[in-house]
């Protein structure tokens, strides 16, 4: 047996069959990870509409980045403000949502906001939708005396 051969857990979701540099909703497996933003950058990505410049968010807890869609960008701006480099160090909680009958990544909230807030997401040629950004309580470790 090849000692250098890596082993992988059996996939349970379609998204796990095609790993890449970006997060996919199916990889969350029903969890809502809270991640710390380490960088906000721009990159040119190939998509269904051809090459487009997109925001890319990197995190401390994972090598995978989040390609930022407008809905998630509006939610992050509502929580953390317009100055995107000031998002670095902030924590964001993500979850698997649904858009056009497909799983997608959405922003659940953050431990770094003062209170739960409503956000109106207004996209071109779409009806505005209301999203709730939840005040996420940080998890305490079982041995934490506090």
Protein backbone atom coordinates (compact mmCIF):
# COMPACT_ATOMS: atom_id res chain seq x y z
CA UNK A 1 0.00 0.00 0.00
CA UNK A 2 1.24 3.50 -0.86
CA UNK A 3 2.16 5.30 2.37
CA UNK A 4 1.66 8.69 0.72
CA UNK A 5 -1.89 7.94 -0.41
CA UNK A 6 -4.43 10.17 1.34
CA UNK A 7 -7.70 8.76 2.62
CA UNK A 8 -10.99 10.59 2.54
CA UNK A 9 -14.28 10.23 4.36
CA UNK A 10 -17.12 8.86 2.25
CA UNK A 11 -19.10 11.76 0.74
CA UNK A 12 -22.68 12.25 1.85
CA UNK A 13 -23.55 15.26 -0.32
CA UNK A 14 -23.10 16.08 -4.02
CA UNK A 15 -20.97 19.14 -3.16
CA UNK A 16 -18.40 16.89 -1.50
CA UNK A 17 -17.74 15.03 -4.77
CA UNK A 18 -16.10 18.09 -6.34
CA UNK A 19 -13.91 19.81 -3.77
CA UNK A 20 -12.28 23.08 -4.70
CA UNK A 21 -10.94 26.28 -3.24
CA UNK A 22 -14.40 27.66 -2.38
CA UNK A 23 -16.92 26.59 0.26
CA UNK A 24 -20.04 24.78 -0.85
CA UNK A 25 -23.32 24.59 1.07
CA UNK A 26 -23.41 20.79 1.05
CA UNK A 27 -20.14 20.66 2.97
CA UNK A 28 -21.81 22.22 6.03
CA UNK A 29 -23.69 18.97 6.80
CA UNK A 30 -26.44 20.82 8.71
CA UNK A 31 -23.97 22.84 10.80
CA UNK A 32 -23.68 26.61 11.09
CA UNK A 33 -19.96 27.32 11.25
CA UNK A 34 -18.73 30.55 12.81
CA UNK A 35 -15.57 31.69 11.03
CA UNK A 36 -13.17 34.60 11.53
CA UNK A 37 -12.54 36.77 8.47
CA UNK A 38 -8.84 37.11 7.63
CA UNK A 39 -9.00 38.82 4.23
CA UNK A 40 -11.37 40.50 1.80
CA UNK A 41 -10.05 40.56 -1.77
CA UNK A 42 -11.19 40.71 -5.38
CA UNK A 43 -10.62 37.96 -7.96
CA UNK A 44 -11.79 37.27 -11.48
CA UNK A 45 -13.85 34.07 -11.59
CA UNK A 46 -15.42 32.10 -14.41
CA UNK A 47 -19.12 31.49 -13.93
CA UNK A 48 -22.35 30.94 -15.85
CA UNK A 49 -22.23 34.61 -16.95
CA UNK A 50 -18.60 34.40 -18.09
CA UNK A 51 -15.65 36.00 -16.30
CA UNK A 52 -16.65 38.38 -13.52
CA UNK A 53 -14.81 40.14 -10.72
CA UNK A 54 -16.11 38.91 -7.35
CA UNK A 55 -15.34 39.54 -3.72
CA UNK A 56 -13.52 36.68 -2.00
CA UNK A 57 -13.58 36.25 1.78
CA UNK A 58 -10.88 34.14 3.51
CA UNK A 59 -11.12 32.69 7.01
CA UNK A 60 -8.80 31.64 9.83
CA UNK A 61 -10.51 28.30 10.50
CA UNK A 62 -10.48 26.87 6.96
CA UNK A 63 -8.42 26.97 3.78
CA UNK A 64 -11.63 27.33 1.76
CA UNK A 65 -12.78 30.80 0.80
CA UNK A 66 -16.25 32.21 0.22
CA UNK A 67 -17.02 33.69 -3.20
CA UNK A 68 -19.22 36.60 -2.21
CA UNK A 69 -22.60 36.98 -3.88
CA UNK A 70 -24.53 40.23 -3.59
CA UNK A 71 -27.03 38.90 -1.01
CA UNK A 72 -24.27 37.83 1.39
CA UNK A 73 -22.37 41.05 0.71
CA UNK A 74 -25.41 43.13 1.69
CA UNK A 75 -25.77 41.12 4.90
CA UNK A 76 -22.09 41.55 5.81
CA UNK A 77 -22.29 45.28 5.08
CA UNK A 78 -25.35 45.60 7.34
CA UNK A 79 -23.51 43.86 10.19
CA UNK A 80 -19.99 45.26 9.81
CA UNK A 81 -20.22 48.46 7.74
CA UNK A 82 -19.12 49.72 4.31
CA UNK A 83 -15.38 49.61 4.93
CA UNK A 84 -14.69 46.02 3.92
CA UNK A 85 -11.12 45.89 5.25
CA UNK A 86 -12.62 46.55 8.70
CA UNK A 87 -14.43 43.19 8.37
CA UNK A 88 -11.07 41.48 8.97
CA UNK A 89 -11.12 39.97 12.47
CA UNK A 90 -14.94 39.87 12.59
CA UNK A 91 -16.71 36.54 13.01
CA UNK A 92 -19.53 35.45 10.72
CA UNK A 93 -21.84 32.46 11.05
CA UNK A 94 -22.87 30.80 7.79
CA UNK A 95 -25.54 28.22 6.93
CA UNK A 96 -26.87 26.27 3.97
CA UNK A 97 -29.89 28.06 2.53
CA UNK A 98 -31.85 27.69 -0.72
CA UNK A 99 -31.93 29.93 -3.80
CA UNK A 100 -33.82 28.96 -6.97
CA UNK A 101 -34.31 25.41 -5.59
CA UNK A 102 -30.54 24.95 -5.14
CA UNK A 103 -28.55 24.89 -1.92
CA UNK A 104 -26.46 27.97 -1.35
CA UNK A 105 -24.43 29.56 1.42
CA UNK A 106 -26.12 32.32 3.40
CA UNK A 107 -25.12 34.51 6.34
CA UNK A 108 -26.85 33.54 9.59
CA UNK A 109 -25.37 36.28 11.78
CA UNK A 110 -22.39 36.96 14.01
CA UNK A 111 -21.23 36.96 17.61
CA UNK A 112 -19.79 40.42 16.83
CA UNK A 113 -23.09 42.29 16.41
CA UNK A 114 -24.89 43.93 19.32
CA UNK A 115 -28.33 42.43 18.62
CA UNK A 116 -30.35 40.49 16.07
CA UNK A 117 -31.25 42.74 13.11
CA UNK A 118 -33.46 42.68 10.03
CA UNK A 119 -31.80 43.35 6.67
CA UNK A 120 -33.65 44.23 3.47
CA UNK A 121 -31.89 42.68 0.48
CA UNK A 122 -32.80 44.55 -2.69
CA UNK A 123 -31.47 43.09 -5.92
CA UNK A 124 -32.08 44.40 -9.46
CA UNK A 125 -35.34 43.15 -11.01
CA UNK A 126 -36.22 41.20 -7.83
CA UNK A 127 -38.59 41.81 -4.98
CA UNK A 128 -36.83 42.89 -1.78
CA UNK A 129 -36.42 40.08 0.71
CA UNK A 130 -36.05 40.37 4.46
CA UNK A 131 -33.25 38.46 6.12
CA UNK A 132 -32.50 38.16 9.81
CA UNK A 133 -28.92 38.55 10.99
CA UNK A 134 -28.81 36.71 14.30
CA UNK A 135 -26.76 37.66 17.33
CA UNK A 136 -24.83 34.41 17.75
CA UNK A 137 -23.83 33.43 21.25
CA UNK A 138 -20.24 32.17 21.32
CA UNK A 139 -19.86 28.54 22.35
CA UNK A 140 -18.11 27.96 25.63
CA UNK A 141 -15.72 25.04 25.98
CA UNK A 142 -16.90 22.25 28.33
CA UNK A 143 -13.93 22.82 30.68
CA UNK A 144 -14.35 26.60 30.61
CA UNK A 145 -14.90 27.76 34.21
CA UNK A 146 -16.90 30.83 33.10
